[in-house]
Amino acid sequence: MNFPRQLRGLAYQAFYGLPLPIRRHIARAVSPKYLVGAVVVVRDSEAEAPGRILLLRQPPGRGWGLPAGLLKSRELPAVGAARELFEESGVRVEPGDLTPGNPNAIVHPTGGVVDTVWFAAVPASRTPLEVDGGEVIEAAWYALDDLPKLTWPTERLLGVYGMGPRAGELPPSITAGGAYEAPVLSLPSTSPSTSPSSPPQSSSSAPPAQSAPPASSAPSDGLQ
């Protein structure tokens, strides 16, 4: 019993005696690999309870999801979240005005992805939505009690924070019994809106579909 412990002790002594760059190289070689992304849940600060959130429809358009994407190399999670939100929807929120969720990160072991989750609030009537028509087909605000067909990852993520059709359901990577809920948000001191006279409720590069196909799919980056 003591012999393996002594071996482990000697191995740790040898490991920590190596230069830091070599230790990091060894750690990367033997550790699990995860892609790290950022997801943003944007609430309409003007909506009455239960509230409205911003959703996106991406090709092939069979379900709605949240603004999300992978972080760039050495990019801070809040910075990446703000960047992805602006790139995909045209909504500009400063990284410092994003509120981390509780939990702030959700691990998807089977997919090798870690999502950092952030919340924001903006006035929908004064926040134009802009999509590129390629990565994102349409952006729109939806009431939490009248959500459209969601992608499976979006349903699961919203459920962790007590929202949507799977409210309260936790994935295996999250410990049960925690008080997980969306944070209470307040408007940032500087509004991200640019044109009070332009109150679009949705933005689309093509005429809206008459009905959504029954299947569900995740956006192209595999996060939401």
Protein backbone atom coordinates (compact mmCIF):
# COMPACT_ATOMS: atom_id res chain seq x y z
CA MET A 1 0.00 0.00 0.00
CA ASN A 2 2.82 2.40 0.86
CA PHE A 3 4.96 1.44 -2.10
CA PRO A 4 2.63 2.95 -4.79
CA ARG A 5 2.26 6.07 -2.66
CA GLN A 6 6.03 6.41 -2.45
CA LEU A 7 6.28 5.96 -6.21
CA ARG A 8 3.69 8.67 -6.74
CA GLY A 9 5.60 10.95 -4.42
CA LEU A 10 8.83 10.40 -6.34
CA ALA A 11 7.01 10.94 -9.65
CA TYR A 12 5.55 14.26 -8.43
CA GLN A 13 8.94 15.38 -7.17
CA ALA A 14 10.49 14.62 -10.55
CA PHE A 15 7.60 16.32 -12.39
CA TYR A 16 7.70 19.54 -10.37
CA GLY A 17 11.46 19.62 -10.73
CA LEU A 18 11.10 20.08 -14.49
CA PRO A 19 11.05 23.55 -16.09
CA LEU A 20 7.56 25.07 -16.33
CA PRO A 21 7.33 24.92 -20.18
CA ILE A 22 8.09 21.18 -20.11
CA ARG A 23 5.52 20.58 -17.34
CA ARG A 24 2.88 22.40 -19.38
CA HIS A 25 3.73 20.37 -22.47
CA ILE A 26 3.37 17.10 -20.52
CA ALA A 27 0.08 18.27 -18.96
CA ARG A 28 -1.37 19.14 -22.37
CA ALA A 29 -0.32 15.78 -23.77
CA VAL A 30 -2.07 13.72 -21.08
CA SER A 31 -5.09 15.93 -20.25
CA PRO A 32 -8.53 15.74 -21.91
CA LYS A 33 -9.02 18.24 -24.71
CA TYR A 34 -12.01 20.59 -24.66
CA LEU A 35 -13.20 23.35 -26.94
CA VAL A 36 -14.21 26.43 -24.94
CA GLY A 37 -17.08 28.62 -26.05
CA ALA A 38 -19.30 31.44 -24.83
CA VAL A 39 -23.10 31.58 -24.82
CA VAL A 40 -25.14 34.73 -24.15
CA VAL A 41 -28.73 34.84 -22.87
CA VAL A 42 -30.04 38.33 -23.70
CA ARG A 43 -33.22 39.49 -21.99
CA ASP A 44 -35.51 42.30 -23.11
CA SER A 45 -35.29 44.81 -20.26
CA GLU A 46 -38.64 46.34 -21.28
CA ALA A 47 -40.67 43.11 -21.26
CA GLU A 48 -43.07 42.20 -18.48
CA ALA A 49 -42.89 38.85 -16.69
CA PRO A 50 -42.04 36.17 -17.61
CA GLY A 51 -39.86 38.16 -20.00
CA ARG A 52 -38.44 37.82 -23.50
CA ILE A 53 -35.09 36.57 -24.76
CA LEU A 54 -33.16 36.97 -27.99
CA LEU A 55 -33.01 33.88 -30.20
CA LEU A 56 -31.22 33.17 -33.48
CA ARG A 57 -31.99 30.84 -36.36
CA GLN A 58 -28.99 29.36 -38.16
CA PRO A 59 -28.72 27.08 -41.20
CA PRO A 60 -30.46 24.77 -41.85
CA GLY A 61 -32.97 26.69 -39.73
CA ARG A 62 -34.73 23.77 -38.04
CA GLY A 63 -34.55 25.27 -34.55
CA TRP A 64 -33.76 28.47 -32.69
CA GLY A 65 -30.70 28.94 -30.52
CA LEU A 66 -28.73 31.47 -28.50
CA PRO A 67 -25.86 33.72 -29.58
CA ALA A 68 -22.78 31.54 -29.09
CA GLY A 69 -19.40 30.66 -30.49
CA LEU A 70 -15.90 29.41 -29.74
CA LEU A 71 -13.37 31.62 -28.00
CA LYS A 72 -10.32 32.76 -29.91
CA SER A 73 -6.84 31.89 -28.68
CA ARG A 74 -6.11 33.71 -25.39
CA GLU A 75 -9.46 35.51 -25.54
CA LEU A 76 -11.18 36.24 -22.23
CA PRO A 77 -14.59 34.53 -21.95
CA ALA A 78 -16.57 37.77 -21.41
CA VAL A 79 -14.78 39.41 -24.33
CA GLY A 80 -15.53 36.44 -26.57
CA ALA A 81 -19.17 36.41 -25.47
CA ALA A 82 -19.60 40.10 -26.31
CA ARG A 83 -17.87 39.60 -29.66
CA GLU A 84 -20.04 36.63 -30.65
CA LEU A 85 -23.20 38.47 -29.59
CA PHE A 86 -22.37 41.45 -31.80
CA GLU A 87 -21.20 39.36 -34.77
CA GLU A 88 -24.29 37.19 -34.81
CA SER A 89 -27.06 39.65 -33.87
CA GLY A 90 -25.73 43.20 -34.11
CA VAL A 91 -26.38 43.71 -30.38
CA ARG A 92 -23.47 45.48 -28.73
CA VAL A 93 -22.90 44.89 -25.02
CA GLU A 94 -19.62 45.71 -23.30
CA PRO A 95 -17.88 42.70 -21.71
CA GLY A 96 -18.06 44.38 -18.31
CA ASP A 97 -21.86 44.60 -18.60
CA LEU A 98 -22.24 40.83 -18.99
CA THR A 99 -23.28 38.89 -15.88
CA PRO A 100 -21.92 35.35 -15.41
CA GLY A 101 -24.48 32.62 -14.95
CA ASN A 102 -24.58 30.29 -11.96
CA PRO A 103 -23.05 27.93 -12.92
CA ASN A 104 -20.84 30.05 -15.16
CA ALA A 105 -19.62 27.03 -17.15
CA ILE A 106 -21.33 23.90 -18.40
CA VAL A 107 -19.23 20.90 -19.44
CA HIS A 108 -20.42 18.66 -22.27
CA PRO A 109 -18.14 15.62 -21.82
CA THR A 110 -19.48 13.67 -24.80
CA GLY A 111 -18.97 16.60 -27.15
CA GLY A 112 -15.68 17.80 -25.68
CA VAL A 113 -17.06 21.33 -25.22
CA VAL A 114 -17.16 23.71 -22.26
CA ASP A 115 -19.69 26.56 -22.53
CA THR A 116 -19.20 29.69 -20.44
CA VAL A 117 -22.65 31.23 -19.96
CA TRP A 118 -23.37 34.95 -19.72
CA PHE A 119 -26.49 37.08 -19.27
CA ALA A 120 -27.31 40.58 -20.50
CA ALA A 121 -30.31 42.91 -20.67
CA VAL A 122 -31.06 45.47 -23.40
CA PRO A 123 -34.21 47.41 -24.41
CA ALA A 124 -35.56 45.55 -27.44
CA SER A 125 -37.44 48.57 -28.85
CA ARG A 126 -34.19 50.55 -29.06
CA THR A 127 -31.83 47.73 -30.04
CA PRO A 128 -31.66 47.02 -33.80
CA LEU A 129 -31.00 43.42 -34.79
CA GLU A 130 -28.67 42.72 -37.72
CA VAL A 131 -27.78 39.32 -39.17
CA ASP A 132 -25.41 38.45 -41.98
CA GLY A 133 -27.69 35.96 -43.74
CA GLY A 134 -24.93 33.37 -43.80
CA GLU A 135 -24.05 32.18 -40.33
CA VAL A 136 -27.35 33.51 -38.96
CA ILE A 137 -30.60 33.57 -40.95
CA GLU A 138 -32.83 35.43 -38.52
CA ALA A 139 -32.83 37.05 -35.07
CA ALA A 140 -35.96 37.78 -33.04
CA TRP A 141 -37.31 38.30 -29.52
CA TYR A 142 -39.54 35.60 -28.03
CA ALA A 143 -41.55 35.46 -24.82
CA LEU A 144 -40.33 32.80 -22.39
CA ASP A 145 -43.83 31.35 -22.17
CA ASP A 146 -44.19 31.18 -25.96
CA LEU A 147 -40.85 29.97 -27.29
CA PRO A 148 -40.45 28.57 -30.81
CA LYS A 149 -38.92 25.21 -31.64
CA LEU A 150 -35.50 25.25 -29.95
CA THR A 151 -32.38 23.29 -30.73
CA TRP A 152 -31.69 20.53 -28.24
CA PRO A 153 -28.55 22.22 -26.77
CA THR A 154 -30.52 25.45 -26.29
CA GLU A 155 -33.38 23.65 -24.52
CA ARG A 156 -30.93 21.97 -22.19
CA LEU A 157 -28.93 25.11 -21.42
CA LEU A 158 -31.99 27.28 -20.74
CA GLY A 159 -33.39 24.53 -18.52
CA VAL A 160 -30.35 24.73 -16.24
CA TYR A 161 -31.29 28.34 -15.47
CA GLY A 162 -34.98 27.67 -14.96
CA MET A 163 -36.19 28.75 -18.38
CA GLY A 164 -37.92 27.08 -21.32
CA PRO A 165 -39.58 23.67 -21.72
CA ARG A 166 -36.86 21.86 -19.74
CA ALA A 167 -36.72 24.28 -16.81
CA GLY A 168 -35.05 22.66 -13.83
CA GLU A 169 -33.57 19.73 -15.76
CA LEU A 170 -29.83 19.38 -15.21
CA PRO A 171 -27.31 17.64 -17.49
CA PRO A 172 -25.12 14.92 -15.90
CA SER A 173 -22.13 17.29 -15.64
CA ILE A 174 -23.98 19.56 -13.17
CA THR A 175 -24.50 18.55 -9.56
CA ALA A 176 -28.15 18.27 -8.55
CA GLY A 177 -29.42 20.26 -5.61
CA GLY A 178 -27.83 23.58 -6.56
CA ALA A 179 -29.83 26.79 -6.64
CA TYR A 180 -29.33 27.46 -10.32
CA GLU A 181 -31.23 30.36 -11.82
CA ALA A 182 -30.80 33.29 -14.18
CA PRO A 183 -29.24 36.34 -12.47
CA VAL A 184 -31.25 39.49 -11.84
CA LEU A 185 -30.08 42.01 -14.41
CA SER A 186 -30.13 45.78 -14.61
CA LEU A 187 -29.50 47.96 -17.62
CA PRO A 188 -25.90 49.12 -18.16
CA SER A 189 -25.25 52.81 -17.71
CA THR A 190 -24.68 53.21 -21.45
CA SER A 191 -27.38 51.73 -23.65
CA PRO A 192 -26.12 49.58 -26.53
CA SER A 193 -28.86 50.92 -28.77
CA THR A 194 -28.06 53.25 -31.64
CA SER A 195 -31.35 54.43 -33.06
CA PRO A 196 -34.43 55.12 -30.88
CA SER A 197 -36.49 55.63 -34.01
CA SER A 198 -35.82 52.10 -35.25
CA PRO A 199 -37.64 49.49 -33.14
CA PRO A 200 -37.30 46.26 -35.13
CA GLN A 201 -38.51 43.16 -33.32
CA SER A 202 -36.73 40.78 -35.67
CA SER A 203 -34.14 40.80 -38.40
CA SER A 204 -34.01 38.41 -41.31
CA SER A 205 -32.12 38.17 -44.55
CA ALA A 206 -34.95 36.24 -46.16
CA PRO A 207 -38.75 36.05 -45.81
CA PRO A 208 -39.68 34.13 -42.65
CA ALA A 209 -40.56 30.49 -43.10
CA GLN A 210 -44.22 29.55 -42.82
CA SER A 211 -43.46 26.66 -40.52
CA ALA A 212 -40.38 25.08 -39.00
CA PRO A 213 -39.48 21.46 -39.77
CA PRO A 214 -40.00 19.17 -36.81
CA ALA A 215 -36.37 18.14 -36.35
CA SER A 216 -33.91 19.98 -34.10
CA SER A 217 -30.33 20.87 -34.91
CA ALA A 218 -27.48 22.82 -33.35
CA PRO A 219 -25.77 25.80 -35.05
CA SER A 220 -22.70 25.33 -37.12
CA ASP A 221 -20.21 25.82 -34.29
CA GLY A 222 -21.76 22.97 -32.32
CA LEU A 223 -22.42 25.00 -29.18
CA GLN A 224 -25.95 26.29 -29.37
